[in-house]
């Protein structure tokens, strides 16, 4: 996607595309990375399985497992508090409102 942030070009289009992906209007094809470290891959697979069993509505347990291994505090907190399946996009970043603000510039 062409973008020149310094000139304000393409920002509205980028935010619109992000909104489409976030809302499911644009289907994505995530790229799966296979790590060459067998121990890491095994840990990610085991953790992913446990997450899927514990939080049935989690869409991408592998991604969450990687965030846990990396020490992402928000994900760790959500697992501890059993709120992982309820995480949503923050309301403070309202895509339509943000687009309107950018277009008003």
PDB file of N, CA and C in Angstrom:
ATOM      1  N   UNK A   1       0.850  -1.166   0.000  1.00  0.00           N
ATOM      2  CA  UNK A   1       0.000   0.000   0.000  1.00  0.00           C
ATOM      3  C   UNK A   1       0.898   1.232   0.000  1.00  0.00           C
ATOM      4  N   UNK A   2       0.764   2.097  -1.008  1.00  0.00           N
ATOM      5  CA  UNK A   2       1.588   3.296  -1.075  1.00  0.00           C
ATOM      6  C   UNK A   2       1.272   4.237   0.091  1.00  0.00           C
ATOM      7  N   UNK A   3       2.313   4.765   0.720  1.00  0.00           N
ATOM      8  CA  UNK A   3       2.119   5.620   1.875  1.00  0.00           C
ATOM      9  C   UNK A   3       3.289   6.582   1.993  1.00  0.00           C
ATOM     10  N   UNK A   4       2.997   7.841   2.227  1.00  0.00           N
ATOM     11  CA  UNK A   4       4.012   8.854   2.515  1.00  0.00           C
ATOM     12  C   UNK A   4       3.510   9.613   3.735  1.00  0.00           C
ATOM     13  N   UNK A   5       3.803   9.106   4.909  1.00  0.00           N
ATOM     14  CA  UNK A   5       3.272   9.662   6.145  1.00  0.00           C
ATOM     15  C   UNK A   5       3.668  11.125   6.348  1.00  0.00           C
ATOM     16  N   UNK A   6       4.865  11.488   5.992  1.00  0.00           N
ATOM     17  CA  UNK A   6       5.309  12.885   6.153  1.00  0.00           C
ATOM     18  C   UNK A   6       4.455  13.852   5.356  1.00  0.00           C
ATOM     19  N   UNK A   7       3.965  13.403   4.226  1.00  0.00           N
ATOM     20  CA  UNK A   7       3.104  14.255   3.389  1.00  0.00           C
ATOM     21  C   UNK A   7       1.624  13.982   3.631  1.00  0.00           C
ATOM     22  N   UNK A   8       1.320  13.036   4.511  1.00  0.00           N
ATOM     23  CA  UNK A   8      -0.071  12.712   4.806  1.00  0.00           C
ATOM     24  C   UNK A   8      -0.766  11.959   3.695  1.00  0.00           C
ATOM     25  N   UNK A   9       0.015  11.322   2.829  1.00  0.00           N
ATOM     26  CA  UNK A   9      -0.565  10.606   1.691  1.00  0.00           C
ATOM     27  C   UNK A   9      -0.728   9.124   2.012  1.00  0.00           C
ATOM     28  N   UNK A  10      -1.905   8.621   1.790  1.00  0.00           N
ATOM     29  CA  UNK A  10      -2.162   7.193   1.949  1.00  0.00           C
ATOM     30  C   UNK A  10      -2.587   6.772   3.344  1.00  0.00           C
ATOM     31  N   UNK A  11      -2.609   7.688   4.291  1.00  0.00           N
ATOM     32  CA  UNK A  11      -2.956   7.327   5.675  1.00  0.00           C
ATOM     33  C   UNK A  11      -4.408   6.897   5.776  1.00  0.00           C
ATOM     34  N   UNK A  12      -5.296   7.631   5.141  1.00  0.00           N
ATOM     35  CA  UNK A  12      -6.719   7.267   5.168  1.00  0.00           C
ATOM     36  C   UNK A  12      -6.927   5.892   4.554  1.00  0.00           C
ATOM     37  N   UNK A  13      -6.253   5.632   3.449  1.00  0.00           N
ATOM     38  CA  UNK A  13      -6.375   4.334   2.784  1.00  0.00           C
ATOM     39  C   UNK A  13      -5.826   3.212   3.664  1.00  0.00           C
ATOM     40  N   UNK A  14      -4.701   3.491   4.332  1.00  0.00           N
ATOM     41  CA  UNK A  14      -4.125   2.490   5.230  1.00  0.00           C
ATOM     42  C   UNK A  14      -5.066   2.177   6.376  1.00  0.00           C
ATOM     43  N   UNK A  15      -5.601   3.201   7.019  1.00  0.00           N
ATOM     44  CA  UNK A  15      -6.530   2.977   8.128  1.00  0.00           C
ATOM     45  C   UNK A  15      -7.786   2.248   7.664  1.00  0.00           C
ATOM     46  N   UNK A  16      -8.243   2.564   6.476  1.00  0.00           N
ATOM     47  CA  UNK A  16      -9.408   1.873   5.922  1.00  0.00           C
ATOM     48  C   UNK A  16      -9.103   0.390   5.710  1.00  0.00           C
ATOM     49  N   UNK A  17      -7.899   0.099   5.195  1.00  0.00           N
ATOM     50  CA  UNK A  17      -7.496  -1.297   4.978  1.00  0.00           C
ATOM     51  C   UNK A  17      -7.359  -2.031   6.310  1.00  0.00           C
ATOM     52  N   UNK A  18      -6.792  -1.365   7.303  1.00  0.00           N
ATOM     53  CA  UNK A  18      -6.647  -1.977   8.634  1.00  0.00           C
ATOM     54  C   UNK A  18      -8.027  -2.279   9.215  1.00  0.00           C
ATOM     55  N   UNK A  19      -8.950  -1.342   9.051  1.00  0.00           N
ATOM     56  CA  UNK A  19     -10.303  -1.563   9.548  1.00  0.00           C
ATOM     57  C   UNK A  19     -10.947  -2.762   8.855  1.00  0.00           C
ATOM     58  N   UNK A  20     -10.762  -2.895   7.557  1.00  0.00           N
ATOM     59  CA  UNK A  20     -11.327  -4.025   6.810  1.00  0.00           C
ATOM     60  C   UNK A  20     -10.780  -5.356   7.317  1.00  0.00           C
ATOM     61  N   UNK A  21      -9.496  -5.395   7.595  1.00  0.00           N
ATOM     62  CA  UNK A  21      -8.884  -6.624   8.121  1.00  0.00           C
ATOM     63  C   UNK A  21      -9.412  -6.899   9.527  1.00  0.00           C
ATOM     64  N   UNK A  22      -9.444  -5.859  10.374  1.00  0.00           N
ATOM     65  CA  UNK A  22      -9.891  -6.027  11.762  1.00  0.00           C
ATOM     66  C   UNK A  22     -11.349  -6.478  11.839  1.00  0.00           C
ATOM     67  N   UNK A  23     -12.172  -5.992  10.931  1.00  0.00           N
ATOM     68  CA  UNK A  23     -13.600  -6.349  10.936  1.00  0.00           C
ATOM     69  C   UNK A  23     -13.901  -7.641  10.193  1.00  0.00           C
ATOM     70  N   UNK A  24     -12.887  -8.233   9.576  1.00  0.00           N
ATOM     71  CA  UNK A  24     -13.084  -9.484   8.859  1.00  0.00           C
ATOM     72  C   UNK A  24     -13.613  -9.307   7.443  1.00  0.00           C
ATOM     73  N   UNK A  25     -13.705  -8.063   6.978  1.00  0.00           N
ATOM     74  CA  UNK A  25     -14.211  -7.818   5.624  1.00  0.00           C
ATOM     75  C   UNK A  25     -13.181  -8.193   4.565  1.00  0.00           C
ATOM     76  N   UNK A  26     -11.929  -8.205   4.937  1.00  0.00           N
ATOM     77  CA  UNK A  26     -10.854  -8.581   4.024  1.00  0.00           C
ATOM     78  C   UNK A  26     -10.199  -9.841   4.558  1.00  0.00           C
ATOM     79  N   UNK A  27     -10.359 -10.960   3.863  1.00  0.00           N
ATOM     80  CA  UNK A  27      -9.770 -12.211   4.366  1.00  0.00           C
ATOM     81  C   UNK A  27      -8.240 -12.167   4.287  1.00  0.00           C
ATOM     82  N   UNK A  28      -7.621 -12.655   5.319  1.00  0.00           N
ATOM     83  CA  UNK A  28      -6.159 -12.659   5.365  1.00  0.00           C
ATOM     84  C   UNK A  28      -5.622 -14.077   5.197  1.00  0.00           C
ATOM     85  N   UNK A  29      -4.387 -14.144   4.824  1.00  0.00           N
ATOM     86  CA  UNK A  29      -3.690 -15.419   4.715  1.00  0.00           C
ATOM     87  C   UNK A  29      -2.421 -15.325   5.556  1.00  0.00           C
ATOM     88  N   UNK A  30      -2.552 -15.566   6.870  1.00  0.00           N
ATOM     89  CA  UNK A  30      -1.387 -15.418   7.736  1.00  0.00           C
ATOM     90  C   UNK A  30      -0.244 -16.334   7.313  1.00  0.00           C
ATOM     91  N   UNK A  31       0.920 -15.821   7.431  1.00  0.00           N
ATOM     92  CA  UNK A  31       2.113 -16.592   7.102  1.00  0.00           C
ATOM     93  C   UNK A  31       2.603 -17.296   8.353  1.00  0.00           C
ATOM     94  N   UNK A  32       2.689 -18.587   8.301  1.00  0.00           N
ATOM     95  CA  UNK A  32       3.147 -19.379   9.443  1.00  0.00           C
ATOM     96  C   UNK A  32       4.650 -19.566   9.364  1.00  0.00           C
ATOM     97  N   UNK A  33       5.315 -19.208  10.432  1.00  0.00           N
ATOM     98  CA  UNK A  33       6.762 -19.357  10.478  1.00  0.00           C
ATOM     99  C   UNK A  33       7.087 -20.622  11.258  1.00  0.00           C
ATOM    100  N   UNK A  34       7.875 -21.463  10.674  1.00  0.00           N
ATOM    101  CA  UNK A  34       8.356 -22.656  11.364  1.00  0.00           C
ATOM    102  C   UNK A  34       9.768 -22.368  11.847  1.00  0.00           C
ATOM    103  N   UNK A  35       9.953 -22.501  13.118  1.00  0.00           N
ATOM    104  CA  UNK A  35      11.255 -22.228  13.704  1.00  0.00           C
ATOM    105  C   UNK A  35      12.155 -23.445  13.556  1.00  0.00           C
ATOM    106  N   UNK A  36      13.436 -23.202  13.419  1.00  0.00           N
ATOM    107  CA  UNK A  36      14.381 -24.310  13.242  1.00  0.00           C
ATOM    108  C   UNK A  36      14.787 -24.930  14.565  1.00  0.00           C
ATOM    109  N   UNK A  37      14.487 -24.259  15.652  1.00  0.00           N
ATOM    110  CA  UNK A  37      14.808 -24.789  16.977  1.00  0.00           C
ATOM    111  C   UNK A  37      13.691 -25.752  17.399  1.00  0.00           C
ATOM    112  N   UNK A  38      14.004 -27.035  17.418  1.00  0.00           N
ATOM    113  CA  UNK A  38      12.998 -28.065  17.724  1.00  0.00           C
ATOM    114  C   UNK A  38      12.405 -27.884  19.116  1.00  0.00           C
ATOM    115  N   UNK A  39      13.222 -27.481  20.086  1.00  0.00           N
ATOM    116  CA  UNK A  39      12.722 -27.296  21.450  1.00  0.00           C
ATOM    117  C   UNK A  39      11.715 -26.143  21.503  1.00  0.00           C
ATOM    118  N   UNK A  40      12.014 -25.057  20.801  1.00  0.00           N
ATOM    119  CA  UNK A  40      11.095 -23.926  20.760  1.00  0.00           C
ATOM    120  C   UNK A  40       9.804 -24.319  20.060  1.00  0.00           C
ATOM    121  N   UNK A  41       9.914 -24.981  18.926  1.00  0.00           N
ATOM    122  CA  UNK A  41       8.725 -25.406  18.186  1.00  0.00           C
ATOM    123  C   UNK A  41       7.856 -26.329  19.030  1.00  0.00           C
ATOM    124  N   UNK A  42       8.483 -27.230  19.753  1.00  0.00           N
ATOM    125  CA  UNK A  42       7.753 -28.144  20.627  1.00  0.00           C
ATOM    126  C   UNK A  42       7.038 -27.374  21.740  1.00  0.00           C
ATOM    127  N   UNK A  43       7.724 -26.386  22.330  1.00  0.00           N
ATOM    128  CA  UNK A  43       7.118 -25.586  23.396  1.00  0.00           C
ATOM    129  C   UNK A  43       5.928 -24.788  22.874  1.00  0.00           C
ATOM    130  N   UNK A  44       6.079 -24.208  21.687  1.00  0.00           N
ATOM    131  CA  UNK A  44       4.984 -23.431  21.089  1.00  0.00           C
ATOM    132  C   UNK A  44       3.796 -24.338  20.795  1.00  0.00           C
ATOM    133  N   UNK A  45       4.048 -25.510  20.244  1.00  0.00           N
ATOM    134  CA  UNK A  45       2.965 -26.462  19.951  1.00  0.00           C
ATOM    135  C   UNK A  45       2.244 -26.902  21.220  1.00  0.00           C
ATOM    136  N   UNK A  46       3.015 -27.242  22.265  1.00  0.00           N
ATOM    137  CA  UNK A  46       2.411 -27.672  23.535  1.00  0.00           C
ATOM    138  C   UNK A  46       1.580 -26.555  24.158  1.00  0.00           C
ATOM    139  N   UNK A  47       2.146 -25.358  24.190  1.00  0.00           N
ATOM    140  CA  UNK A  47       1.442 -24.227  24.776  1.00  0.00           C
ATOM    141  C   UNK A  47       0.200 -23.873  23.961  1.00  0.00           C
ATOM    142  N   UNK A  48       0.297 -23.937  22.648  1.00  0.00           N
ATOM    143  CA  UNK A  48      -0.859 -23.669  21.784  1.00  0.00           C
ATOM    144  C   UNK A  48      -1.992 -24.643  22.068  1.00  0.00           C
ATOM    145  N   UNK A  49      -1.649 -25.907  22.209  1.00  0.00           N
ATOM    146  CA  UNK A  49      -2.661 -26.922  22.501  1.00  0.00           C
ATOM    147  C   UNK A  49      -3.336 -26.638  23.841  1.00  0.00           C
ATOM    148  N   UNK A  50      -2.541 -26.321  24.859  1.00  0.00           N
ATOM    149  CA  UNK A  50      -3.099 -26.034  26.183  1.00  0.00           C
ATOM    150  C   UNK A  50      -3.999 -24.794  26.144  1.00  0.00           C
ATOM    151  N   UNK A  51      -3.583 -23.786  25.416  1.00  0.00           N
ATOM    152  CA  UNK A  51      -4.400 -22.576  25.298  1.00  0.00           C
ATOM    153  C   UNK A  51      -5.725 -22.876  24.603  1.00  0.00           C
ATOM    154  N   UNK A  52      -5.680 -23.662  23.534  1.00  0.00           N
ATOM    155  CA  UNK A  52      -6.904 -24.017  22.809  1.00  0.00           C
ATOM    156  C   UNK A  52      -7.867 -24.805  23.685  1.00  0.00           C
ATOM    157  N   UNK A  53      -7.320 -25.654  24.529  1.00  0.00           N
ATOM    158  CA  UNK A  53      -8.166 -26.444  25.433  1.00  0.00           C
ATOM    159  C   UNK A  53      -8.766 -25.578  26.536  1.00  0.00           C
ATOM    160  N   UNK A  54      -8.009 -24.611  27.008  1.00  0.00           N
ATOM    161  CA  UNK A  54      -8.457 -23.773  28.121  1.00  0.00           C
ATOM    162  C   UNK A  54      -9.364 -22.645  27.666  1.00  0.00           C
ATOM    163  N   UNK A  55      -9.026 -22.031  26.522  1.00  0.00           N
ATOM    164  CA  UNK A  55      -9.786 -20.902  25.996  1.00  0.00           C
ATOM    165  C   UNK A  55     -10.314 -21.298  24.617  1.00  0.00           C
ATOM    166  N   UNK A  56     -11.487 -21.904  24.590  1.00  0.00           N
ATOM    167  CA  UNK A  56     -12.027 -22.482  23.363  1.00  0.00           C
ATOM    168  C   UNK A  56     -12.304 -21.453  22.268  1.00  0.00           C
ATOM    169  N   UNK A  57     -12.555 -20.193  22.635  1.00  0.00           N
ATOM    170  CA  UNK A  57     -12.907 -19.196  21.625  1.00  0.00           C
ATOM    171  C   UNK A  57     -11.721 -18.370  21.146  1.00  0.00           C
ATOM    172  N   UNK A  58     -10.510 -18.781  21.477  1.00  0.00           N
ATOM    173  CA  UNK A  58      -9.315 -18.046  21.050  1.00  0.00           C
ATOM    174  C   UNK A  58      -9.009 -18.408  19.601  1.00  0.00           C
ATOM    175  N   UNK A  59      -8.941 -17.400  18.707  1.00  0.00           N
ATOM    176  CA  UNK A  59      -8.771 -17.692  17.284  1.00  0.00           C
ATOM    177  C   UNK A  59      -7.372 -18.127  16.861  1.00  0.00           C
ATOM    178  N   UNK A  60      -6.322 -17.667  17.532  1.00  0.00           N
ATOM    179  CA  UNK A  60      -4.976 -18.005  17.095  1.00  0.00           C
ATOM    180  C   UNK A  60      -4.083 -18.324  18.296  1.00  0.00           C
ATOM    181  N   UNK A  61      -4.229 -19.531  18.793  1.00  0.00           N
ATOM    182  CA  UNK A  61      -3.497 -19.953  19.985  1.00  0.00           C
ATOM    183  C   UNK A  61      -1.990 -19.931  19.764  1.00  0.00           C
ATOM    184  N   UNK A  62      -1.546 -20.189  18.563  1.00  0.00           N
ATOM    185  CA  UNK A  62      -0.107 -20.181  18.282  1.00  0.00           C
ATOM    186  C   UNK A  62       0.482 -18.788  18.484  1.00  0.00           C
ATOM    187  N   UNK A  63      -0.190 -17.783  17.971  1.00  0.00           N
ATOM    188  CA  UNK A  63       0.263 -16.409  18.148  1.00  0.00           C
ATOM    189  C   UNK A  63       0.311 -16.045  19.628  1.00  0.00           C
ATOM    190  N   UNK A  64      -0.716 -16.448  20.368  1.00  0.00           N
ATOM    191  CA  UNK A  64      -0.769 -16.167  21.800  1.00  0.00           C
ATOM    192  C   UNK A  64       0.363 -16.891  22.524  1.00  0.00           C
ATOM    193  N   UNK A  65       0.626 -18.127  22.139  1.00  0.00           N
ATOM    194  CA  UNK A  65       1.726 -18.881  22.744  1.00  0.00           C
ATOM    195  C   UNK A  65       3.052 -18.152  22.529  1.00  0.00           C
ATOM    196  N   UNK A  66       3.271 -17.653  21.335  1.00  0.00           N
ATOM    197  CA  UNK A  66       4.497 -16.902  21.052  1.00  0.00           C
ATOM    198  C   UNK A  66       4.573 -15.629  21.892  1.00  0.00           C
ATOM    199  N   UNK A  67       3.450 -14.943  22.064  1.00  0.00           N
ATOM    200  CA  UNK A  67       3.439 -13.735  22.898  1.00  0.00           C
ATOM    201  C   UNK A  67       3.752 -14.085  24.351  1.00  0.00           C
ATOM    202  N   UNK A  68       3.240 -15.215  24.825  1.00  0.00           N
ATOM    203  CA  UNK A  68       3.545 -15.638  26.193  1.00  0.00           C
ATOM    204  C   UNK A  68       5.028 -15.937  26.361  1.00  0.00           C
ATOM    205  N   UNK A  69       5.593 -16.629  25.410  1.00  0.00           N
ATOM    206  CA  UNK A  69       7.020 -16.961  25.469  1.00  0.00           C
ATOM    207  C   UNK A  69       7.867 -15.687  25.434  1.00  0.00           C
ATOM    208  N   UNK A  70       7.409 -14.687  24.678  1.00  0.00           N
ATOM    209  CA  UNK A  70       8.136 -13.417  24.603  1.00  0.00           C
ATOM    210  C   UNK A  70       7.941 -12.560  25.843  1.00  0.00           C
ATOM    211  N   UNK A  71       6.953 -12.912  26.680  1.00  0.00           N
ATOM    212  CA  UNK A  71       6.731 -12.174  27.924  1.00  0.00           C
ATOM    213  C   UNK A  71       5.780 -11.001  27.800  1.00  0.00           C
ATOM    214  N   UNK A  72       4.839 -11.050  26.854  1.00  0.00           N
ATOM    215  CA  UNK A  72       3.855  -9.983  26.680  1.00  0.00           C
ATOM    216  C   UNK A  72       2.973  -9.894  27.930  1.00  0.00           C
ATOM    217  N   UNK A  73       3.137  -8.805  28.692  1.00  0.00           N
ATOM    218  CA  UNK A  73       2.441  -8.662  29.973  1.00  0.00           C
ATOM    219  C   UNK A  73       0.921  -8.661  29.837  1.00  0.00           C
ATOM    220  N   UNK A  74       0.384  -8.063  28.776  1.00  0.00           N
ATOM    221  CA  UNK A  74      -1.078  -8.026  28.636  1.00  0.00           C
ATOM    222  C   UNK A  74      -1.648  -9.424  28.391  1.00  0.00           C
ATOM    223  N   UNK A  75      -0.927 -10.236  27.637  1.00  0.00           N
ATOM    224  CA  UNK A  75      -1.387 -11.608  27.378  1.00  0.00           C
ATOM    225  C   UNK A  75      -1.218 -12.458  28.636  1.00  0.00           C
ATOM    226  N   UNK A  76      -0.105 -12.313  29.319  1.00  0.00           N
ATOM    227  CA  UNK A  76       0.120 -13.053  30.569  1.00  0.00           C
ATOM    228  C   UNK A  76      -0.990 -12.737  31.562  1.00  0.00           C
ATOM    229  N   UNK A  77      -1.315 -11.449  31.698  1.00  0.00           N
ATOM    230  CA  UNK A  77      -2.372 -11.034  32.622  1.00  0.00           C
ATOM    231  C   UNK A  77      -3.716 -11.649  32.226  1.00  0.00           C
ATOM    232  N   UNK A  78      -4.029 -11.624  30.921  1.00  0.00           N
ATOM    233  CA  UNK A  78      -5.305 -12.176  30.452  1.00  0.00           C
ATOM    234  C   UNK A  78      -5.392 -13.675  30.703  1.00  0.00           C
ATOM    235  N   UNK A  79      -4.284 -14.396  30.572  1.00  0.00           N
ATOM    236  CA  UNK A  79      -4.286 -15.838  30.854  1.00  0.00           C
ATOM    237  C   UNK A  79      -4.493 -16.064  32.345  1.00  0.00           C
ATOM    238  N   UNK A  80      -3.761 -15.326  33.165  1.00  0.00           N
ATOM    239  CA  UNK A  80      -3.893 -15.478  34.621  1.00  0.00           C
ATOM    240  C   UNK A  80      -5.311 -15.183  35.103  1.00  0.00           C
ATOM    241  N   UNK A  81      -5.918 -14.148  34.528  1.00  0.00           N
ATOM    242  CA  UNK A  81      -7.258 -13.727  34.957  1.00  0.00           C
ATOM    243  C   UNK A  81      -8.368 -14.456  34.212  1.00  0.00           C
ATOM    244  N   UNK A  82      -7.975 -15.364  33.317  1.00  0.00           N
ATOM    245  CA  UNK A  82      -8.942 -16.143  32.528  1.00  0.00           C
ATOM    246  C   UNK A  82      -9.845 -15.245  31.682  1.00  0.00           C
ATOM    247  N   UNK A  83      -9.287 -14.146  31.169  1.00  0.00           N
ATOM    248  CA  UNK A  83     -10.048 -13.228  30.332  1.00  0.00           C
ATOM    249  C   UNK A  83      -9.523 -13.205  28.904  1.00  0.00           C
ATOM    250  N   UNK A  84      -8.668 -14.141  28.559  1.00  0.00           N
ATOM    251  CA  UNK A  84      -8.023 -14.142  27.248  1.00  0.00           C
ATOM    252  C   UNK A  84      -9.031 -14.130  26.108  1.00  0.00           C
ATOM    253  N   UNK A  85     -10.079 -14.904  26.198  1.00  0.00           N
ATOM    254  CA  UNK A  85     -11.062 -14.985  25.130  1.00  0.00           C
ATOM    255  C   UNK A  85     -11.923 -13.750  25.005  1.00  0.00           C
ATOM    256  N   UNK A  86     -11.823 -12.835  25.976  1.00  0.00           N
ATOM    257  CA  UNK A  86     -12.663 -11.641  25.941  1.00  0.00           C
ATOM    258  C   UNK A  86     -11.905 -10.399  25.504  1.00  0.00           C
ATOM    259  N   UNK A  87     -10.607 -10.523  25.166  1.00  0.00           N
ATOM    260  CA  UNK A  87      -9.844  -9.367  24.715  1.00  0.00           C
ATOM    261  C   UNK A  87     -10.432  -8.843  23.419  1.00  0.00           C
ATOM    262  N   UNK A  88     -10.589  -7.554  23.334  1.00  0.00           N
ATOM    263  CA  UNK A  88     -11.143  -6.905  22.150  1.00  0.00           C
ATOM    264  C   UNK A  88     -10.227  -5.760  21.742  1.00  0.00           C
ATOM    265  N   UNK A  89     -10.432  -5.239  20.525  1.00  0.00           N
ATOM    266  CA  UNK A  89      -9.718  -4.046  20.103  1.00  0.00           C
ATOM    267  C   UNK A  89     -10.162  -2.910  21.005  1.00  0.00           C
ATOM    268  N   UNK A  90      -9.223  -2.157  21.478  1.00  0.00           N
ATOM    269  CA  UNK A  90      -9.503  -1.043  22.376  1.00  0.00           C
ATOM    270  C   UNK A  90     -10.494  -0.072  21.758  1.00  0.00           C
ATOM    271  N   UNK A  91     -11.462   0.339  22.541  1.00  0.00           N
ATOM    272  CA  UNK A  91     -12.457   1.305  22.070  1.00  0.00           C
ATOM    273  C   UNK A  91     -11.822   2.680  21.875  1.00  0.00           C
ATOM    274  N   UNK A  92     -10.673   2.927  22.509  1.00  0.00           N
ATOM    275  CA  UNK A  92     -10.056   4.241  22.369  1.00  0.00           C
ATOM    276  C   UNK A  92      -9.557   4.488  20.952  1.00  0.00           C
ATOM    277  N   UNK A  93      -9.380   3.451  20.158  1.00  0.00           N
ATOM    278  CA  UNK A  93      -8.977   3.638  18.768  1.00  0.00           C
ATOM    279  C   UNK A  93     -10.152   3.241  17.893  1.00  0.00           C
ATOM    280  N   UNK A  94     -11.048   4.179  17.709  1.00  0.00           N
ATOM    281  CA  UNK A  94     -12.262   3.971  16.927  1.00  0.00           C
ATOM    282  C   UNK A  94     -11.947   4.280  15.459  1.00  0.00           C
ATOM    283  N   UNK A  95     -11.889   3.235  14.607  1.00  0.00           N
ATOM    284  CA  UNK A  95     -11.478   3.418  13.222  1.00  0.00           C
ATOM    285  C   UNK A  95     -12.305   4.461  12.479  1.00  0.00           C
ATOM    286  N   UNK A  96     -13.646   4.386  12.465  1.00  0.00           N
ATOM    287  CA  UNK A  96     -14.401   5.393  11.706  1.00  0.00           C
ATOM    288  C   UNK A  96     -14.136   6.814  12.207  1.00  0.00           C
ATOM    289  N   UNK A  97     -14.057   6.989  13.519  1.00  0.00           N
ATOM    290  CA  UNK A  97     -13.799   8.312  14.078  1.00  0.00           C
ATOM    291  C   UNK A  97     -12.402   8.791  13.675  1.00  0.00           C
ATOM    292  N   UNK A  98     -11.417   7.912  13.747  1.00  0.00           N
ATOM    293  CA  UNK A  98     -10.042   8.263  13.387  1.00  0.00           C
ATOM    294  C   UNK A  98      -9.956   8.627  11.899  1.00  0.00           C
ATOM    295  N   UNK A  99     -10.656   7.874  11.057  1.00  0.00           N
ATOM    296  CA  UNK A  99     -10.671   8.214   9.632  1.00  0.00           C
ATOM    297  C   UNK A  99     -11.252   9.595   9.386  1.00  0.00           C
ATOM    298  N   UNK A 100     -12.331   9.918  10.082  1.00  0.00           N
ATOM    299  CA  UNK A 100     -12.961  11.233   9.932  1.00  0.00           C
ATOM    300  C   UNK A 100     -12.007  12.334  10.367  1.00  0.00           C
ATOM    301  N   UNK A 101     -11.275  12.096  11.437  1.00  0.00           N
ATOM    302  CA  UNK A 101     -10.304  13.089  11.903  1.00  0.00           C
ATOM    303  C   UNK A 101      -9.212  13.307  10.864  1.00  0.00           C
ATOM    304  N   UNK A 102      -8.709  12.238  10.298  1.00  0.00           N
ATOM    305  CA  UNK A 102      -7.643  12.354   9.302  1.00  0.00           C
ATOM    306  C   UNK A 102      -8.142  13.044   8.036  1.00  0.00           C
ATOM    307  N   UNK A 103      -9.359  12.724   7.630  1.00  0.00           N
ATOM    308  CA  UNK A 103      -9.899  13.321   6.419  1.00  0.00           C
ATOM    309  C   UNK A 103     -10.180  14.804   6.607  1.00  0.00           C
ATOM    310  N   UNK A 104     -10.431  15.225   7.853  1.00  0.00           N
ATOM    311  CA  UNK A 104     -10.720  16.628   8.134  1.00  0.00           C
ATOM    312  C   UNK A 104      -9.477  17.498   8.050  1.00  0.00           C
ATOM    313  N   UNK A 105      -8.300  16.895   8.092  1.00  0.00           N
ATOM    314  CA  UNK A 105      -7.044  17.676   8.035  1.00  0.00           C
ATOM    315  C   UNK A 105      -6.859  18.404   6.770  1.00  0.00           C
TER     316      UNK A 105
END
